[in-house]
Amino acid sequence: MNLEARKISLVQEFLRVDNEKIIIALENLLHKRKSELFEENLKPMSLKQFNDEVDQAIDDEENSRLISAQDLKKKVQKWE
């Protein structure tokens, strides 16, 4: 069974659940596991990479390659 079929099967099984405690437990398990997977994939930045990014940010600021939060919000609102 491929991943898509397994997801459909899981959703169908979930829709048959009528016990709130089971649903809460499943929600908690899902959130916990997603958080664990996220943390497992975090990799610390090297000191060189950190310094390079700081230097790039300073260069961007000095050369006016930044956008204000207000301007960014206006741009985002136009996306919708």
N, C-alpha and C. Protein backbone atom coordinates (compact mmCIF):
# COMPACT_ATOMS: atom_id res chain seq x y z
N MET A 1 0.85 -1.17 0.00
CA MET A 1 0.00 0.00 0.00
C MET A 1 0.90 1.24 0.00
N ASN A 2 0.66 2.14 -0.95
CA ASN A 2 1.49 3.34 -1.01
C ASN A 2 1.06 4.37 0.03
N LEU A 3 1.82 5.43 0.15
CA LEU A 3 1.57 6.43 1.18
C LEU A 3 0.19 7.08 1.04
N GLU A 4 -0.19 7.42 -0.18
CA GLU A 4 -1.50 8.06 -0.38
C GLU A 4 -2.63 7.14 0.05
N ALA A 5 -2.54 5.88 -0.29
CA ALA A 5 -3.58 4.91 0.09
C ALA A 5 -3.61 4.74 1.61
N ARG A 6 -2.45 4.73 2.24
CA ARG A 6 -2.39 4.60 3.69
C ARG A 6 -3.01 5.82 4.38
N LYS A 7 -2.76 7.02 3.82
CA LYS A 7 -3.34 8.24 4.40
C LYS A 7 -4.87 8.20 4.28
N ILE A 8 -5.36 7.79 3.13
CA ILE A 8 -6.81 7.70 2.93
C ILE A 8 -7.42 6.70 3.91
N SER A 9 -6.76 5.57 4.06
CA SER A 9 -7.24 4.55 5.00
C SER A 9 -7.25 5.09 6.43
N LEU A 10 -6.21 5.80 6.79
CA LEU A 10 -6.13 6.37 8.14
C LEU A 10 -7.24 7.39 8.36
N VAL A 11 -7.48 8.24 7.39
CA VAL A 11 -8.54 9.24 7.52
C VAL A 11 -9.90 8.55 7.65
N GLN A 12 -10.13 7.53 6.86
CA GLN A 12 -11.39 6.80 6.95
C GLN A 12 -11.56 6.18 8.34
N GLU A 13 -10.52 5.59 8.85
CA GLU A 13 -10.56 5.00 10.19
C GLU A 13 -10.80 6.08 11.24
N PHE A 14 -10.11 7.22 11.10
CA PHE A 14 -10.26 8.33 12.03
C PHE A 14 -11.71 8.83 12.05
N LEU A 15 -12.32 8.91 10.88
CA LEU A 15 -13.70 9.41 10.79
C LEU A 15 -14.70 8.48 11.49
N ARG A 16 -14.33 7.23 11.67
CA ARG A 16 -15.20 6.28 12.37
C ARG A 16 -15.07 6.38 13.90
N VAL A 17 -14.06 7.08 14.38
CA VAL A 17 -13.84 7.21 15.82
C VAL A 17 -14.87 8.17 16.39
N ASP A 18 -15.55 7.74 17.46
CA ASP A 18 -16.54 8.62 18.08
C ASP A 18 -16.26 8.84 19.56
N ASN A 19 -15.03 8.61 19.96
CA ASN A 19 -14.63 8.79 21.34
C ASN A 19 -13.67 9.97 21.41
N GLU A 20 -14.08 11.02 22.14
CA GLU A 20 -13.27 12.24 22.19
C GLU A 20 -11.90 12.00 22.80
N LYS A 21 -11.81 11.11 23.78
CA LYS A 21 -10.52 10.82 24.40
C LYS A 21 -9.54 10.22 23.40
N ILE A 22 -10.03 9.38 22.51
CA ILE A 22 -9.17 8.80 21.48
C ILE A 22 -8.71 9.88 20.51
N ILE A 23 -9.62 10.76 20.14
CA ILE A 23 -9.26 11.85 19.21
C ILE A 23 -8.23 12.77 19.85
N ILE A 24 -8.42 13.10 21.12
CA ILE A 24 -7.44 13.95 21.82
C ILE A 24 -6.08 13.26 21.86
N ALA A 25 -6.08 11.97 22.17
CA ALA A 25 -4.82 11.22 22.24
C ALA A 25 -4.13 11.20 20.88
N LEU A 26 -4.90 11.01 19.81
CA LEU A 26 -4.33 11.01 18.45
C LEU A 26 -3.78 12.38 18.08
N GLU A 27 -4.51 13.44 18.44
CA GLU A 27 -4.01 14.79 18.18
C GLU A 27 -2.69 15.03 18.91
N ASN A 28 -2.66 14.64 20.18
CA ASN A 28 -1.45 14.84 20.98
C ASN A 28 -0.28 14.05 20.39
N LEU A 29 -0.54 12.82 19.99
CA LEU A 29 0.51 11.99 19.39
C LEU A 29 1.02 12.62 18.10
N LEU A 30 0.13 13.09 17.27
CA LEU A 30 0.51 13.70 16.00
C LEU A 30 1.37 14.95 16.24
N HIS A 31 0.91 15.83 17.12
CA HIS A 31 1.67 17.06 17.41
C HIS A 31 3.04 16.74 18.01
N LYS A 32 3.07 15.78 18.92
CA LYS A 32 4.33 15.42 19.57
C LYS A 32 5.31 14.86 18.54
N ARG A 33 4.84 13.96 17.69
CA ARG A 33 5.73 13.33 16.71
C ARG A 33 6.21 14.34 15.67
N LYS A 34 5.33 15.24 15.22
CA LYS A 34 5.75 16.27 14.28
C LYS A 34 6.83 17.15 14.89
N SER A 35 6.66 17.49 16.15
CA SER A 35 7.64 18.30 16.85
C SER A 35 8.97 17.56 16.97
N GLU A 36 8.91 16.27 17.29
CA GLU A 36 10.13 15.46 17.39
C GLU A 36 10.86 15.38 16.06
N LEU A 37 10.11 15.17 14.97
CA LEU A 37 10.73 15.10 13.64
C LEU A 37 11.37 16.42 13.26
N PHE A 38 10.70 17.52 13.60
CA PHE A 38 11.25 18.84 13.31
C PHE A 38 12.58 19.01 14.04
N GLU A 39 12.59 18.67 15.32
CA GLU A 39 13.81 18.82 16.12
C GLU A 39 14.93 17.90 15.63
N GLU A 40 14.57 16.69 15.18
CA GLU A 40 15.58 15.76 14.65
C GLU A 40 16.26 16.32 13.41
N ASN A 41 15.52 17.11 12.64
CA ASN A 41 16.06 17.65 11.39
C ASN A 41 16.80 18.97 11.56
N LEU A 42 16.75 19.52 12.78
CA LEU A 42 17.49 20.76 13.03
C LEU A 42 18.98 20.45 13.09
N LYS A 43 19.73 21.26 12.41
CA LYS A 43 21.18 21.09 12.44
C LYS A 43 21.78 22.43 12.84
N PRO A 44 22.68 22.41 13.81
CA PRO A 44 23.26 23.68 14.23
C PRO A 44 24.06 24.33 13.10
N MET A 45 24.00 25.63 13.07
CA MET A 45 24.73 26.40 12.08
C MET A 45 26.20 26.49 12.53
N SER A 46 27.09 26.38 11.58
CA SER A 46 28.51 26.53 11.92
C SER A 46 28.78 28.00 12.23
N LEU A 47 29.85 28.25 12.96
CA LEU A 47 30.22 29.63 13.28
C LEU A 47 30.51 30.41 12.01
N LYS A 48 31.13 29.78 11.04
CA LYS A 48 31.43 30.45 9.76
C LYS A 48 30.13 30.82 9.05
N GLN A 49 29.19 29.88 9.00
CA GLN A 49 27.92 30.17 8.34
C GLN A 49 27.18 31.30 9.06
N PHE A 50 27.19 31.28 10.39
CA PHE A 50 26.56 32.34 11.17
C PHE A 50 27.19 33.69 10.84
N ASN A 51 28.51 33.73 10.86
CA ASN A 51 29.21 35.00 10.56
C ASN A 51 28.95 35.46 9.14
N ASP A 52 28.90 34.51 8.19
CA ASP A 52 28.59 34.87 6.80
C ASP A 52 27.20 35.49 6.69
N GLU A 53 26.23 34.91 7.41
CA GLU A 53 24.87 35.43 7.35
C GLU A 53 24.77 36.81 8.00
N VAL A 54 25.48 37.00 9.10
CA VAL A 54 25.51 38.32 9.74
C VAL A 54 26.13 39.34 8.79
N ASP A 55 27.26 38.97 8.17
CA ASP A 55 27.91 39.87 7.21
C ASP A 55 26.98 40.21 6.06
N GLN A 56 26.24 39.21 5.57
CA GLN A 56 25.30 39.45 4.47
C GLN A 56 24.19 40.40 4.91
N ALA A 57 23.68 40.21 6.12
CA ALA A 57 22.62 41.08 6.64
C ALA A 57 23.13 42.52 6.76
N ILE A 58 24.33 42.69 7.26
CA ILE A 58 24.91 44.03 7.39
C ILE A 58 25.08 44.66 6.01
N ASP A 59 25.57 43.89 5.05
CA ASP A 59 25.75 44.38 3.68
C ASP A 59 24.39 44.75 3.07
N ASP A 60 23.38 43.93 3.29
CA ASP A 60 22.05 44.24 2.77
C ASP A 60 21.53 45.55 3.35
N GLU A 61 21.75 45.75 4.64
CA GLU A 61 21.28 46.98 5.28
C GLU A 61 22.04 48.19 4.74
N GLU A 62 23.35 48.06 4.61
CA GLU A 62 24.17 49.18 4.12
C GLU A 62 23.83 49.54 2.68
N ASN A 63 23.34 48.58 1.90
CA ASN A 63 23.05 48.81 0.49
C ASN A 63 21.55 48.90 0.21
N SER A 64 20.78 49.17 1.25
CA SER A 64 19.33 49.40 1.13
C SER A 64 18.60 48.26 0.43
N ARG A 65 18.97 47.03 0.76
CA ARG A 65 18.29 45.88 0.19
C ARG A 65 17.34 45.25 1.21
N LEU A 66 16.71 46.10 2.00
CA LEU A 66 15.77 45.64 3.01
C LEU A 66 14.39 46.19 2.68
N ILE A 67 13.37 45.59 3.29
CA ILE A 67 12.01 46.06 3.12
C ILE A 67 11.42 46.20 4.52
N SER A 68 10.69 47.26 4.74
CA SER A 68 10.10 47.48 6.06
C SER A 68 8.97 46.47 6.29
N ALA A 69 8.64 46.26 7.54
CA ALA A 69 7.56 45.33 7.88
C ALA A 69 6.25 45.81 7.28
N GLN A 70 6.01 47.11 7.31
CA GLN A 70 4.77 47.66 6.74
C GLN A 70 4.70 47.41 5.24
N ASP A 71 5.80 47.64 4.53
CA ASP A 71 5.81 47.41 3.08
C ASP A 71 5.63 45.93 2.76
N LEU A 72 6.23 45.09 3.57
CA LEU A 72 6.08 43.65 3.37
C LEU A 72 4.63 43.23 3.56
N LYS A 73 3.98 43.75 4.60
CA LYS A 73 2.57 43.44 4.83
C LYS A 73 1.72 43.86 3.64
N LYS A 74 2.00 45.04 3.08
CA LYS A 74 1.26 45.52 1.91
C LYS A 74 1.44 44.57 0.73
N LYS A 75 2.68 44.12 0.52
CA LYS A 75 2.94 43.18 -0.59
C LYS A 75 2.19 41.88 -0.38
N VAL A 76 2.21 41.37 0.82
CA VAL A 76 1.56 40.10 1.12
C VAL A 76 0.05 40.22 0.91
N GLN A 77 -0.53 41.34 1.31
CA GLN A 77 -1.97 41.52 1.14
C GLN A 77 -2.36 41.50 -0.33
N LYS A 78 -1.48 41.91 -1.21
CA LYS A 78 -1.77 41.91 -2.65
C LYS A 78 -1.75 40.50 -3.23
N TRP A 79 -1.14 39.55 -2.53
CA TRP A 79 -1.06 38.17 -3.02
C TRP A 79 -2.42 37.49 -3.04
N GLU A 80 -3.31 37.90 -2.16
CA GLU A 80 -4.60 37.22 -2.03
C GLU A 80 -5.56 37.51 -3.12
